[in-house]
Amino acid sequence: MSLLEVTNLKKIYTTRFGGNKVQALSNVNFSVEKGEFVAIMGESGSGKTTLFNVLSGIIPPDEGKVYLKDQDVTSTPGSISYMLQKDLLLPHKKVIDNVALPLVLKGMKKAEAREKANPLFAEFGLEGTQYQYPSQLSGGMRQRAALLRTYLSSSGVALLDEPFSALDTLTKASVHKWYLEVMQHIDLSTLFITHDIDEAILLSDRIYILNGTPGTIKDEIVIQERKPRAEDFALSEEFLEYKRRIISKL
């Protein structure tokens, strides 16, 4: 079985006013392998955020299962780490305490949590920021801190919901390159939502298209270009062909 296996997910909401039934997801099936970077793309309202809420255990599915390392983690909060669009660093806590917070919440003592987190600051390009406050960091550095926090709370898979959308173009390109390099060393698989087609092609091993009402997986696109990808890959005919194919599916 894959590192993360999702089978036959279905989610129905009851509207707050009127009590109507709205189906958000239907028969969603996909997998993530060890070390993969997999993108989820789709039009607004296709159920992408609902899917991540189900995978992370925030909300239960009406049908279907989520397996992590062959274990059923359906409706089990904390099994799969989830990073939202905003970094959500607590402004009154030092960076090291923000990063180590998931460990403390799981019962680890503060000093021990700091000791575990501290060696990873260099790996994540954050050395020297441990005792600064989030307001002292740039946008790119805040994202690195949030990603480190997500990694510390992960079990080999991280869910990222448009994690780079708030960054300017130059910072985003730098963080993309850095994250791909870090992934090779920390044994982390990533499933991420993005509306940026270029970003999906540059980062991903595979791209799933989630579309329709209710949302379901309509297509899978495998990016054949080997990593690390050349800096001029985005200018190649192969890149443009991937882009045309994705646009035709959205």
Protein backbone atom coordinates (compact mmCIF):
# COMPACT_ATOMS: atom_id res chain seq x y z
CA MET A 1 0.00 0.00 0.00
CA SER A 2 1.05 3.61 -0.63
CA LEU A 3 2.26 5.89 2.16
CA LEU A 4 -1.11 7.71 2.00
CA GLU A 5 -4.11 5.93 0.50
CA VAL A 6 -7.52 7.57 0.11
CA THR A 7 -10.45 5.38 -0.91
CA ASN A 8 -14.02 6.20 -1.89
CA LEU A 9 -14.34 9.43 0.11
CA LYS A 10 -17.78 11.00 0.21
CA LYS A 11 -18.81 14.10 2.16
CA ILE A 12 -22.28 15.60 2.52
CA TYR A 13 -23.02 18.86 4.33
CA THR A 14 -26.30 20.01 5.79
CA THR A 15 -26.79 23.73 5.17
CA ARG A 16 -27.19 25.92 8.25
CA PHE A 17 -30.30 27.58 6.88
CA GLY A 18 -32.94 25.34 5.39
CA GLY A 19 -31.28 22.06 6.32
CA ASN A 20 -30.60 21.13 2.70
CA LYS A 21 -28.14 18.35 1.85
CA VAL A 22 -25.14 19.39 -0.27
CA GLN A 23 -22.67 16.78 -1.44
CA ALA A 24 -19.13 18.21 -1.50
CA LEU A 25 -17.09 15.09 -2.38
CA SER A 26 -17.96 11.89 -4.23
CA ASN A 27 -15.90 8.72 -4.71
CA VAL A 28 -12.51 10.42 -4.23
CA ASN A 29 -9.63 7.97 -4.66
CA PHE A 30 -5.91 8.73 -4.84
CA SER A 31 -2.55 7.94 -3.27
CA VAL A 32 0.73 9.58 -2.28
CA GLU A 33 3.98 7.63 -2.32
CA LYS A 34 6.97 8.10 -0.05
CA GLY A 35 8.97 11.20 -1.00
CA GLU A 36 6.41 12.45 -3.51
CA PHE A 37 5.20 16.00 -4.03
CA VAL A 38 1.59 15.78 -5.24
CA ALA A 39 -0.64 18.71 -6.20
CA ILE A 40 -4.41 19.00 -6.01
CA MET A 41 -5.87 21.46 -8.52
CA GLY A 42 -9.46 22.34 -9.38
CA GLU A 43 -11.93 25.13 -9.81
CA SER A 44 -13.24 27.03 -6.79
CA GLY A 45 -15.96 25.11 -4.98
CA SER A 46 -14.78 21.70 -6.15
CA GLY A 47 -14.10 20.51 -2.59
CA LYS A 48 -10.33 20.90 -2.23
CA THR A 49 -10.40 22.42 1.26
CA THR A 50 -13.15 20.00 2.32
CA LEU A 51 -10.89 17.16 1.17
CA PHE A 52 -8.00 18.44 3.32
CA ASN A 53 -10.31 18.86 6.30
CA VAL A 54 -11.33 15.21 5.93
CA LEU A 55 -7.75 13.98 5.47
CA SER A 56 -6.56 15.86 8.56
CA GLY A 57 -9.42 14.51 10.65
CA ILE A 58 -11.01 17.92 11.27
CA ILE A 59 -14.29 16.63 9.83
CA PRO A 60 -15.39 13.03 9.25
CA PRO A 61 -16.32 11.65 5.82
CA ASP A 62 -19.77 10.17 5.27
CA GLU A 63 -18.14 7.29 3.44
CA GLY A 64 -14.61 6.16 2.62
CA LYS A 65 -11.29 5.65 4.36
CA VAL A 66 -7.95 7.39 4.84
CA TYR A 67 -4.91 5.13 5.39
CA LEU A 68 -1.48 6.34 6.51
CA LYS A 69 1.31 3.74 6.51
CA ASP A 70 -1.34 0.99 6.26
CA GLN A 71 -3.14 2.30 9.37
CA ASP A 72 -6.73 3.53 9.24
CA VAL A 73 -6.55 7.20 10.37
CA THR A 74 -10.02 8.22 9.17
CA SER A 75 -11.51 10.91 11.43
CA THR A 76 -8.36 10.94 13.60
CA PRO A 77 -7.16 14.53 14.19
CA GLY A 78 -3.39 14.92 14.46
CA SER A 79 -2.48 11.90 12.33
CA ILE A 80 -1.69 13.99 9.25
CA SER A 81 -0.27 17.50 9.70
CA TYR A 82 -2.01 20.39 7.97
CA MET A 83 -0.58 23.82 7.15
CA LEU A 84 -3.14 26.47 6.21
CA GLN A 85 -2.62 29.38 3.80
CA LYS A 86 -1.52 31.76 6.58
CA ASP A 87 1.50 30.84 8.70
CA LEU A 88 -0.51 31.41 11.94
CA LEU A 89 2.64 32.00 13.98
CA LEU A 90 1.73 33.31 17.43
CA PRO A 91 3.14 36.87 17.68
CA HIS A 92 3.83 36.71 21.44
CA LYS A 93 5.93 33.52 21.22
CA LYS A 94 9.52 33.24 20.07
CA VAL A 95 10.08 31.43 16.78
CA ILE A 96 11.47 28.30 18.46
CA ASP A 97 8.40 28.07 20.70
CA ASN A 98 6.08 28.53 17.72
CA VAL A 99 7.88 25.75 15.89
CA ALA A 100 7.91 23.42 18.91
CA LEU A 101 4.27 24.08 19.84
CA PRO A 102 2.88 20.83 18.32
CA LEU A 103 5.30 18.81 20.46
CA VAL A 104 4.24 20.67 23.61
CA LEU A 105 0.58 20.11 22.77
CA LYS A 106 1.30 16.39 22.54
CA GLY A 107 2.65 16.45 26.10
CA MET A 108 6.38 17.09 25.65
CA LYS A 109 8.00 19.47 28.12
CA LYS A 110 8.96 22.88 26.73
CA ALA A 111 12.71 22.40 27.21
CA GLU A 112 12.63 18.98 25.55
CA ALA A 113 10.53 20.32 22.65
CA ARG A 114 13.02 23.15 22.11
CA GLU A 115 15.90 20.65 22.18
CA LYS A 116 14.24 18.53 19.49
CA ALA A 117 13.36 21.49 17.27
CA ASN A 118 16.62 23.43 17.55
CA PRO A 119 18.86 21.23 15.32
CA LEU A 120 16.36 21.53 12.47
CA PHE A 121 16.65 25.32 12.26
CA ALA A 122 19.84 25.02 10.23
CA GLU A 123 18.26 22.41 7.92
CA PHE A 124 15.36 24.77 7.25
CA GLY A 125 17.55 27.82 6.72
CA LEU A 126 16.41 29.43 9.97
CA GLU A 127 19.60 29.33 12.04
CA GLY A 128 19.84 32.42 14.23
CA THR A 129 16.10 33.10 14.33
CA GLN A 130 15.26 30.82 17.26
CA TYR A 131 14.82 33.59 19.82
CA GLN A 132 13.40 36.22 17.53
CA TYR A 133 9.68 36.96 17.26
CA PRO A 134 7.62 36.33 14.10
CA SER A 135 7.34 40.08 13.43
CA GLN A 136 11.12 40.18 12.96
CA LEU A 137 11.04 37.65 10.09
CA SER A 138 10.46 38.22 6.38
CA GLY A 139 7.50 36.56 4.67
CA GLY A 140 9.69 33.81 3.26
CA MET A 141 11.29 33.09 6.63
CA ARG A 142 7.88 32.97 8.33
CA GLN A 143 6.81 30.33 5.79
CA ARG A 144 9.93 28.31 6.54
CA ALA A 145 9.13 28.44 10.26
CA ALA A 146 5.55 27.35 9.60
CA LEU A 147 6.78 24.50 7.40
CA LEU A 148 9.20 23.38 10.11
CA ARG A 149 6.35 23.38 12.63
CA THR A 150 4.28 21.29 10.19
CA TYR A 151 7.14 18.86 9.71
CA LEU A 152 7.59 18.39 13.46
CA SER A 153 3.94 17.42 13.79
CA SER A 154 3.91 15.16 10.73
CA SER A 155 4.07 11.41 10.33
CA GLY A 156 5.75 11.51 6.94
CA VAL A 157 3.01 13.42 5.09
CA ALA A 158 2.16 17.13 5.16
CA LEU A 159 -0.95 18.81 3.78
CA LEU A 160 -0.25 22.32 2.50
CA ASP A 161 -3.12 24.60 1.46
CA GLU A 162 -1.70 27.19 -0.95
CA PRO A 163 1.36 27.68 1.29
CA PHE A 164 3.22 30.02 -1.06
CA SER A 165 0.33 32.14 -2.37
CA ALA A 166 1.07 35.18 -0.18
CA LEU A 167 4.70 35.45 -1.30
CA ASP A 168 5.96 37.79 -4.02
CA THR A 169 7.27 36.21 -7.22
CA LEU A 170 10.98 36.32 -6.37
CA THR A 171 10.49 35.08 -2.81
CA LYS A 172 8.18 32.32 -4.03
CA ALA A 173 10.78 31.07 -6.53
CA SER A 174 13.42 31.01 -3.80
CA VAL A 175 11.16 29.14 -1.36
CA HIS A 176 10.19 26.63 -4.08
CA LYS A 177 13.83 25.77 -4.68
CA TRP A 178 14.57 25.58 -0.98
CA TYR A 179 11.59 23.36 -0.18
CA LEU A 180 12.44 20.82 -2.87
CA GLU A 181 15.99 20.63 -1.53
CA VAL A 182 14.80 20.22 2.07
CA MET A 183 12.36 17.46 1.11
CA GLN A 184 15.25 15.32 -0.10
CA HIS A 185 16.80 15.34 3.38
CA ILE A 186 13.86 15.18 5.79
CA ASP A 187 11.85 12.25 4.38
CA LEU A 188 8.60 14.17 3.92
CA SER A 189 5.86 13.60 1.36
CA THR A 190 3.71 16.58 0.45
CA LEU A 191 0.13 16.93 -0.76
CA PHE A 192 -0.66 20.53 -1.58
CA ILE A 193 -3.47 22.66 -2.98
CA THR A 194 -2.58 25.35 -5.47
CA HIS A 195 -4.32 27.49 -8.09
CA ASP A 196 -0.95 28.34 -9.67
CA ILE A 197 -0.47 26.06 -12.68
CA ASP A 198 3.21 26.99 -13.11
CA GLU A 199 3.86 26.22 -9.44
CA ALA A 200 2.17 22.84 -9.72
CA ILE A 201 4.23 21.82 -12.76
CA LEU A 202 7.53 23.04 -11.30
CA LEU A 203 7.11 21.32 -7.92
CA SER A 204 5.00 18.23 -8.47
CA ASP A 205 5.65 14.63 -9.33
CA ARG A 206 1.94 14.19 -10.03
CA ILE A 207 -1.08 16.48 -10.27
CA TYR A 208 -4.64 15.41 -9.49
CA ILE A 209 -7.52 17.40 -10.99
CA LEU A 210 -10.44 17.63 -8.55
CA ASN A 211 -13.51 19.04 -10.28
CA GLY A 212 -17.26 18.91 -10.49
CA THR A 213 -20.13 19.23 -8.02
CA PRO A 214 -19.69 17.11 -6.00
CA GLY A 215 -15.92 17.11 -6.39
CA THR A 216 -14.20 13.99 -7.64
CA ILE A 217 -10.81 13.17 -9.16
CA LYS A 218 -11.18 13.74 -12.90
CA ASP A 219 -7.62 13.20 -14.05
CA GLU A 220 -4.04 12.48 -12.99
CA ILE A 221 -1.11 14.16 -14.72
CA VAL A 222 2.38 12.76 -14.20
CA ILE A 223 5.25 15.25 -14.58
CA GLN A 224 8.00 13.23 -16.22
CA GLU A 225 10.78 15.84 -15.91
CA ARG A 226 13.34 14.65 -13.39
CA LYS A 227 14.22 16.64 -10.28
CA PRO A 228 16.00 18.90 -9.66
CA ARG A 229 14.43 20.58 -12.69
CA ALA A 230 16.49 22.90 -14.84
CA GLU A 231 15.96 26.62 -14.32
CA ASP A 232 14.86 26.98 -17.95
CA PHE A 233 12.31 24.14 -17.71
CA ALA A 234 9.51 26.73 -17.44
CA LEU A 235 10.49 28.01 -20.88
CA SER A 236 10.48 24.62 -22.57
CA GLU A 237 7.90 23.18 -24.95
CA GLU A 238 7.38 20.28 -22.52
CA PHE A 239 6.38 22.72 -19.78
CA LEU A 240 3.93 24.50 -22.09
CA GLU A 241 2.39 21.18 -23.09
CA TYR A 242 1.80 20.24 -19.44
CA LYS A 243 0.22 23.67 -18.96
CA ARG A 244 -2.10 23.24 -21.96
CA ARG A 245 -3.17 19.84 -20.70
CA ILE A 246 -3.95 21.13 -17.20
CA ILE A 247 -5.90 24.13 -18.53
CA SER A 248 -7.99 21.80 -20.70
CA LYS A 249 -8.95 19.78 -17.59
CA LEU A 250 -9.85 22.70 -15.32
